[in-house]
Structures are given as C-alpha cells and as structure tokens.
Amino acid sequence: AALYRGEFSCGHPLIPVYIEARRDFTDPTGPDYVWGRLHAREPQQAKLLYGMAIDTESISFFKYVLEKYCSLTVPGEERFYRSLDKEFSRRLLIPGLKSGFHKEIKLIEEGINER
C-alpha cells in the first residue's frame, strides 16, 4: 500500500526485522534455524511452510526489490518445490517478476529517480 502512495523506502524500520526473520527461518548456520528444526520433525510440513514463506511470487518480489534497489542481502533462496523443472523456474524467476510486477517496479524506479 505504501508503494502506491509513493512511500517506498529502503530505510523502513521493518526491513531489518524482515531480513532477520528470514535469516532465523532459512540459515542453517544460525542458532534459530527454524526450518531445519521443523524439517527434522515434520519434513512435509517444513516443505509446505518453506513454499509459503519463501517460494511464492510475491515473497520473491520482496527479495528482488530489497536486493536490487536497496543493495541488501536477503537470506533464503527459492527452492521451487512445486516446479517440475526447477532449473527452468530459476532461470525465469527474475524475468517473471519483472513482468508480473512491472507496475510496482515502475513506481519504485520513479520514486528512486525523484530523490
């Protein structure tokens, strides 16, 4: 919603919180590695949760924006669990995001150019 009001900011206070939550969820070297603990107990549930938390198009878009426009490193890689051809899906990720979110990307780029 803030994006459509022209209020996108890489300095938003929730961005570091979001990045830390993703790190806790996905980083196998981190002390809280949530996904790993869940996967040890319930592998199928862990895969479903990863699919909802990391593998969706909208979540991939957030990661793309934070990395491209805010120069941030966002932990957690898409695994394309539901894809029959994961390499094909991986190659199409960025072009697909650019196509599917072209209006949002345009708003971000316009906002960046105005500053």
N, C-alpha and C. Protein backbone atom coordinates (compact mmCIF):
# COMPACT_ATOMS: atom_id res chain seq x y z
N ALA A 1 0.82 -1.19 0.00
CA ALA A 1 0.00 0.00 0.00
C ALA A 1 0.87 1.26 0.00
N ALA A 2 1.94 1.26 0.78
CA ALA A 2 2.82 2.42 0.84
C ALA A 2 3.46 2.68 -0.52
N LEU A 3 3.74 1.62 -1.23
CA LEU A 3 4.34 1.75 -2.57
C LEU A 3 3.44 2.57 -3.48
N TYR A 4 2.15 2.31 -3.43
CA TYR A 4 1.20 3.01 -4.29
C TYR A 4 0.97 4.45 -3.85
N ARG A 5 1.36 4.78 -2.63
CA ARG A 5 1.27 6.16 -2.14
C ARG A 5 2.60 6.89 -2.35
N GLY A 6 3.54 6.23 -3.00
CA GLY A 6 4.85 6.85 -3.24
C GLY A 6 5.72 6.89 -2.00
N GLU A 7 5.51 5.96 -1.08
CA GLU A 7 6.22 5.98 0.20
C GLU A 7 7.23 4.85 0.35
N PHE A 8 7.68 4.26 -0.75
CA PHE A 8 8.67 3.19 -0.65
C PHE A 8 9.97 3.75 -0.11
N SER A 9 10.56 3.03 0.87
CA SER A 9 11.83 3.48 1.45
C SER A 9 12.66 2.28 1.87
N CYS A 10 13.90 2.28 1.45
CA CYS A 10 14.81 1.23 1.88
C CYS A 10 15.15 1.36 3.36
N GLY A 11 14.83 2.50 3.94
CA GLY A 11 15.10 2.73 5.35
C GLY A 11 13.94 2.40 6.27
N HIS A 12 12.91 1.76 5.74
CA HIS A 12 11.75 1.42 6.57
C HIS A 12 12.21 0.55 7.74
N PRO A 13 11.74 0.84 8.96
CA PRO A 13 12.23 0.11 10.14
C PRO A 13 11.88 -1.38 10.17
N LEU A 14 10.91 -1.82 9.38
CA LEU A 14 10.56 -3.24 9.38
C LEU A 14 11.46 -4.08 8.46
N ILE A 15 12.22 -3.43 7.60
CA ILE A 15 13.08 -4.19 6.68
C ILE A 15 14.13 -5.01 7.44
N PRO A 16 14.87 -4.43 8.41
CA PRO A 16 15.83 -5.27 9.15
C PRO A 16 15.15 -6.40 9.94
N VAL A 17 13.97 -6.15 10.43
CA VAL A 17 13.21 -7.18 11.16
C VAL A 17 12.86 -8.32 10.21
N TYR A 18 12.41 -7.97 9.01
CA TYR A 18 12.07 -8.97 8.00
C TYR A 18 13.29 -9.80 7.61
N ILE A 19 14.42 -9.14 7.39
CA ILE A 19 15.65 -9.85 7.00
C ILE A 19 16.09 -10.79 8.11
N GLU A 20 16.01 -10.34 9.35
CA GLU A 20 16.41 -11.19 10.47
C GLU A 20 15.47 -12.40 10.61
N ALA A 21 14.18 -12.19 10.38
CA ALA A 21 13.22 -13.31 10.44
C ALA A 21 13.52 -14.33 9.35
N ARG A 22 13.85 -13.86 8.16
CA ARG A 22 14.20 -14.78 7.08
C ARG A 22 15.48 -15.54 7.43
N ARG A 23 16.43 -14.84 8.06
CA ARG A 23 17.68 -15.50 8.45
C ARG A 23 17.38 -16.59 9.49
N ASP A 24 16.58 -16.27 10.50
CA ASP A 24 16.22 -17.26 11.51
C ASP A 24 15.54 -18.47 10.89
N PHE A 25 14.76 -18.24 9.86
CA PHE A 25 14.00 -19.31 9.22
C PHE A 25 14.86 -20.16 8.31
N THR A 26 15.79 -19.55 7.57
CA THR A 26 16.46 -20.26 6.48
C THR A 26 17.95 -20.56 6.67
N ASP A 27 18.62 -19.90 7.59
CA ASP A 27 20.08 -20.03 7.68
C ASP A 27 20.49 -21.24 8.52
N PRO A 28 21.04 -22.27 7.87
CA PRO A 28 21.42 -23.47 8.61
C PRO A 28 22.56 -23.25 9.61
N THR A 29 23.29 -22.14 9.48
CA THR A 29 24.36 -21.86 10.43
C THR A 29 23.89 -21.02 11.61
N GLY A 30 22.65 -20.53 11.53
CA GLY A 30 22.12 -19.69 12.60
C GLY A 30 21.61 -20.52 13.77
N PRO A 31 21.60 -19.92 14.95
CA PRO A 31 21.18 -20.66 16.15
C PRO A 31 19.69 -21.00 16.17
N ASP A 32 18.87 -20.26 15.44
CA ASP A 32 17.43 -20.48 15.48
C ASP A 32 16.88 -21.25 14.28
N TYR A 33 17.67 -21.66 13.38
CA TYR A 33 17.30 -22.33 12.13
C TYR A 33 15.94 -23.04 12.22
N VAL A 34 14.89 -22.26 12.12
CA VAL A 34 13.53 -22.73 12.31
C VAL A 34 13.16 -23.82 11.31
N TRP A 35 13.46 -23.59 10.05
CA TRP A 35 13.09 -24.57 9.03
C TRP A 35 13.77 -25.91 9.29
N GLY A 36 15.03 -25.88 9.65
CA GLY A 36 15.77 -27.12 9.90
C GLY A 36 15.19 -27.91 11.06
N ARG A 37 14.82 -27.22 12.13
CA ARG A 37 14.23 -27.91 13.27
C ARG A 37 12.88 -28.51 12.90
N LEU A 38 12.08 -27.76 12.15
CA LEU A 38 10.79 -28.28 11.72
C LEU A 38 10.97 -29.45 10.76
N HIS A 39 11.91 -29.33 9.84
CA HIS A 39 12.14 -30.38 8.86
C HIS A 39 12.57 -31.69 9.54
N ALA A 40 13.32 -31.59 10.63
CA ALA A 40 13.75 -32.79 11.35
C ALA A 40 12.54 -33.54 11.94
N ARG A 41 11.50 -32.80 12.30
CA ARG A 41 10.32 -33.42 12.91
C ARG A 41 9.22 -33.72 11.90
N GLU A 42 8.99 -32.78 10.99
CA GLU A 42 7.87 -32.87 10.04
C GLU A 42 8.32 -32.42 8.65
N PRO A 43 9.00 -33.27 7.90
CA PRO A 43 9.56 -32.85 6.61
C PRO A 43 8.53 -32.29 5.62
N GLN A 44 7.40 -32.92 5.51
CA GLN A 44 6.39 -32.44 4.55
C GLN A 44 5.84 -31.08 4.97
N GLN A 45 5.57 -30.91 6.25
CA GLN A 45 5.09 -29.61 6.73
C GLN A 45 6.14 -28.53 6.52
N ALA A 46 7.41 -28.89 6.74
CA ALA A 46 8.50 -27.93 6.55
C ALA A 46 8.56 -27.49 5.09
N LYS A 47 8.41 -28.43 4.17
CA LYS A 47 8.43 -28.07 2.75
C LYS A 47 7.26 -27.16 2.40
N LEU A 48 6.09 -27.46 2.93
CA LEU A 48 4.92 -26.60 2.68
C LEU A 48 5.15 -25.20 3.22
N LEU A 49 5.67 -25.12 4.44
CA LEU A 49 5.91 -23.81 5.06
C LEU A 49 6.96 -23.01 4.28
N TYR A 50 8.02 -23.69 3.84
CA TYR A 50 9.04 -23.01 3.04
C TYR A 50 8.42 -22.48 1.75
N GLY A 51 7.57 -23.29 1.15
CA GLY A 51 6.88 -22.87 -0.07
C GLY A 51 6.06 -21.62 0.14
N MET A 52 5.40 -21.51 1.28
CA MET A 52 4.57 -20.34 1.57
C MET A 52 5.41 -19.13 1.99
N ALA A 53 6.51 -19.37 2.69
CA ALA A 53 7.30 -18.27 3.24
C ALA A 53 8.38 -17.74 2.31
N ILE A 54 8.86 -18.57 1.40
CA ILE A 54 9.99 -18.18 0.56
C ILE A 54 9.70 -18.32 -0.93
N ASP A 55 8.99 -19.36 -1.33
CA ASP A 55 8.84 -19.70 -2.74
C ASP A 55 7.70 -19.01 -3.49
N THR A 56 6.94 -18.16 -2.85
CA THR A 56 5.84 -17.52 -3.58
C THR A 56 6.37 -16.38 -4.44
N GLU A 57 5.60 -16.03 -5.44
CA GLU A 57 6.00 -14.96 -6.35
C GLU A 57 6.10 -13.63 -5.60
N SER A 58 5.15 -13.33 -4.73
CA SER A 58 5.17 -12.04 -4.02
C SER A 58 6.35 -11.96 -3.05
N ILE A 59 6.68 -13.05 -2.38
CA ILE A 59 7.82 -13.04 -1.47
C ILE A 59 9.12 -12.92 -2.26
N SER A 60 9.20 -13.59 -3.40
CA SER A 60 10.37 -13.46 -4.26
C SER A 60 10.52 -12.03 -4.76
N PHE A 61 9.38 -11.36 -4.99
CA PHE A 61 9.42 -9.96 -5.42
C PHE A 61 10.01 -9.08 -4.32
N PHE A 62 9.60 -9.31 -3.05
CA PHE A 62 10.16 -8.53 -1.94
C PHE A 62 11.67 -8.69 -1.90
N LYS A 63 12.13 -9.93 -2.04
CA LYS A 63 13.56 -10.19 -2.01
C LYS A 63 14.26 -9.47 -3.17
N TYR A 64 13.70 -9.58 -4.36
CA TYR A 64 14.26 -8.92 -5.54
C TYR A 64 14.40 -7.41 -5.32
N VAL A 65 13.35 -6.79 -4.82
CA VAL A 65 13.35 -5.34 -4.58
C VAL A 65 14.42 -4.96 -3.56
N LEU A 66 14.46 -5.67 -2.45
CA LEU A 66 15.43 -5.34 -1.40
C LEU A 66 16.86 -5.51 -1.88
N GLU A 67 17.10 -6.53 -2.70
CA GLU A 67 18.46 -6.74 -3.20
C GLU A 67 18.81 -5.75 -4.30
N LYS A 68 17.92 -5.55 -5.25
CA LYS A 68 18.23 -4.68 -6.39
C LYS A 68 18.22 -3.20 -6.04
N TYR A 69 17.19 -2.75 -5.34
CA TYR A 69 17.02 -1.32 -5.12
C TYR A 69 17.57 -0.84 -3.78
N CYS A 70 17.73 -1.73 -2.82
CA CYS A 70 18.24 -1.34 -1.51
C CYS A 70 19.63 -1.88 -1.24
N SER A 71 20.17 -2.67 -2.18
CA SER A 71 21.51 -3.26 -2.05
C SER A 71 21.67 -4.06 -0.74
N LEU A 72 20.62 -4.79 -0.36
CA LEU A 72 20.65 -5.60 0.84
C LEU A 72 20.80 -7.07 0.46
N THR A 73 21.39 -7.83 1.33
CA THR A 73 21.46 -9.27 1.16
C THR A 73 20.29 -9.87 1.92
N VAL A 74 19.46 -10.62 1.21
CA VAL A 74 18.27 -11.21 1.81
C VAL A 74 18.46 -12.72 1.86
N PRO A 75 18.51 -13.29 3.07
CA PRO A 75 18.74 -14.74 3.17
C PRO A 75 17.55 -15.57 2.68
N GLY A 76 17.85 -16.78 2.31
CA GLY A 76 16.81 -17.71 1.86
C GLY A 76 16.66 -17.71 0.36
N GLU A 77 16.89 -18.86 -0.23
CA GLU A 77 16.80 -19.00 -1.69
C GLU A 77 15.52 -19.74 -2.06
N GLU A 78 14.96 -19.36 -3.17
CA GLU A 78 13.80 -20.07 -3.68
C GLU A 78 14.22 -21.49 -4.03
N ARG A 79 13.40 -22.45 -3.67
CA ARG A 79 13.72 -23.86 -3.94
C ARG A 79 12.79 -24.46 -4.98
N PHE A 80 11.75 -23.77 -5.32
CA PHE A 80 10.82 -24.19 -6.38
C PHE A 80 10.30 -25.61 -6.14
N TYR A 81 9.83 -25.85 -4.93
CA TYR A 81 9.34 -27.19 -4.57
C TYR A 81 8.21 -27.68 -5.48
N ARG A 82 7.37 -26.79 -5.93
CA ARG A 82 6.21 -27.23 -6.71
C ARG A 82 6.51 -27.31 -8.21
N SER A 83 7.71 -27.00 -8.59
CA SER A 83 8.07 -26.98 -10.01
C SER A 83 8.59 -28.33 -10.47
N LEU A 84 8.16 -28.73 -11.64
CA LEU A 84 8.68 -29.97 -12.22
C LEU A 84 10.10 -29.77 -12.74
N ASP A 85 10.39 -28.57 -13.22
CA ASP A 85 11.72 -28.27 -13.75
C ASP A 85 12.27 -27.07 -12.98
N LYS A 86 12.99 -27.35 -11.90
CA LYS A 86 13.47 -26.30 -11.01
C LYS A 86 14.46 -25.36 -11.70
N GLU A 87 15.32 -25.88 -12.55
CA GLU A 87 16.29 -25.01 -13.24
C GLU A 87 15.59 -24.06 -14.20
N PHE A 88 14.59 -24.55 -14.89
CA PHE A 88 13.80 -23.70 -15.78
C PHE A 88 13.11 -22.60 -14.98
N SER A 89 12.53 -22.97 -13.84
CA SER A 89 11.86 -22.00 -12.97
C SER A 89 12.85 -20.95 -12.46
N ARG A 90 14.04 -21.40 -12.09
CA ARG A 90 15.07 -20.49 -11.58
C ARG A 90 15.47 -19.47 -12.66
N ARG A 91 15.62 -19.94 -13.89
CA ARG A 91 16.00 -19.03 -14.99
C ARG A 91 14.91 -18.01 -15.28
N LEU A 92 13.66 -18.39 -15.06
CA LEU A 92 12.54 -17.50 -15.36
C LEU A 92 12.13 -16.60 -14.20
N LEU A 93 12.73 -16.81 -13.02
CA LEU A 93 12.30 -16.07 -11.83
C LEU A 93 12.35 -14.55 -12.04
N ILE A 94 13.51 -14.01 -12.33
CA ILE A 94 13.65 -12.56 -12.44
C ILE A 94 12.84 -12.00 -13.61
N PRO A 95 12.93 -12.58 -14.81
CA PRO A 95 12.08 -12.07 -15.89
C PRO A 95 10.59 -12.16 -15.53
N GLY A 96 10.21 -13.22 -14.85
CA GLY A 96 8.81 -13.36 -14.44
C GLY A 96 8.39 -12.30 -13.44
N LEU A 97 9.28 -11.99 -12.50
CA LEU A 97 8.98 -10.95 -11.52
C LEU A 97 8.89 -9.59 -12.20
N LYS A 98 9.81 -9.32 -13.12
CA LYS A 98 9.78 -8.05 -13.83
C LYS A 98 8.51 -7.90 -14.64
N SER A 99 8.03 -9.00 -15.20
CA SER A 99 6.80 -8.96 -15.98
C SER A 99 5.57 -8.85 -15.09
N GLY A 100 5.51 -9.69 -14.07
CA GLY A 100 4.34 -9.74 -13.21
C GLY A 100 4.18 -8.53 -12.30
N PHE A 101 5.29 -7.88 -11.97
CA PHE A 101 5.26 -6.73 -11.07
C PHE A 101 5.78 -5.48 -11.77
N HIS A 102 5.53 -5.37 -13.07
CA HIS A 102 6.08 -4.23 -13.82
C HIS A 102 5.55 -2.89 -13.31
N LYS A 103 4.30 -2.82 -12.89
CA LYS A 103 3.76 -1.54 -12.36
C LYS A 103 4.44 -1.16 -11.06
N GLU A 104 4.64 -2.14 -10.19
CA GLU A 104 5.29 -1.87 -8.91
C GLU A 104 6.75 -1.47 -9.10
N ILE A 105 7.44 -2.13 -10.02
CA ILE A 105 8.83 -1.79 -10.29
C ILE A 105 8.93 -0.37 -10.86
N LYS A 106 7.99 -0.02 -11.71
CA LYS A 106 7.98 1.33 -12.28
C LYS A 106 7.79 2.37 -11.17
N LEU A 107 6.89 2.11 -10.23
CA LEU A 107 6.67 3.03 -9.11
C LEU A 107 7.93 3.18 -8.26
N ILE A 108 8.60 2.07 -8.00
CA ILE A 108 9.84 2.12 -7.22
C ILE A 108 10.89 2.93 -7.95
N GLU A 109 11.07 2.65 -9.23
CA GLU A 109 12.10 3.36 -10.00
C GLU A 109 11.77 4.84 -10.13
N GLU A 110 10.51 5.18 -10.30
CA GLU A 110 10.13 6.59 -10.35
C GLU A 110 10.41 7.27 -9.03
N GLY A 111 10.12 6.58 -7.92
CA GLY A 111 10.37 7.14 -6.60
C GLY A 111 11.85 7.33 -6.33
N ILE A 112 12.67 6.40 -6.77
CA ILE A 112 14.12 6.50 -6.60
C ILE A 112 14.66 7.66 -7.43
N ASN A 113 14.17 7.81 -8.64
CA ASN A 113 14.65 8.89 -9.52
C ASN A 113 14.24 10.27 -9.03
N GLU A 114 13.16 10.35 -8.26
CA GLU A 114 12.70 11.65 -7.74
C GLU A 114 13.54 12.13 -6.58
N ARG A 115 14.28 11.23 -5.95
CA ARG A 115 15.07 11.62 -4.75
C ARG A 115 16.38 12.22 -5.13
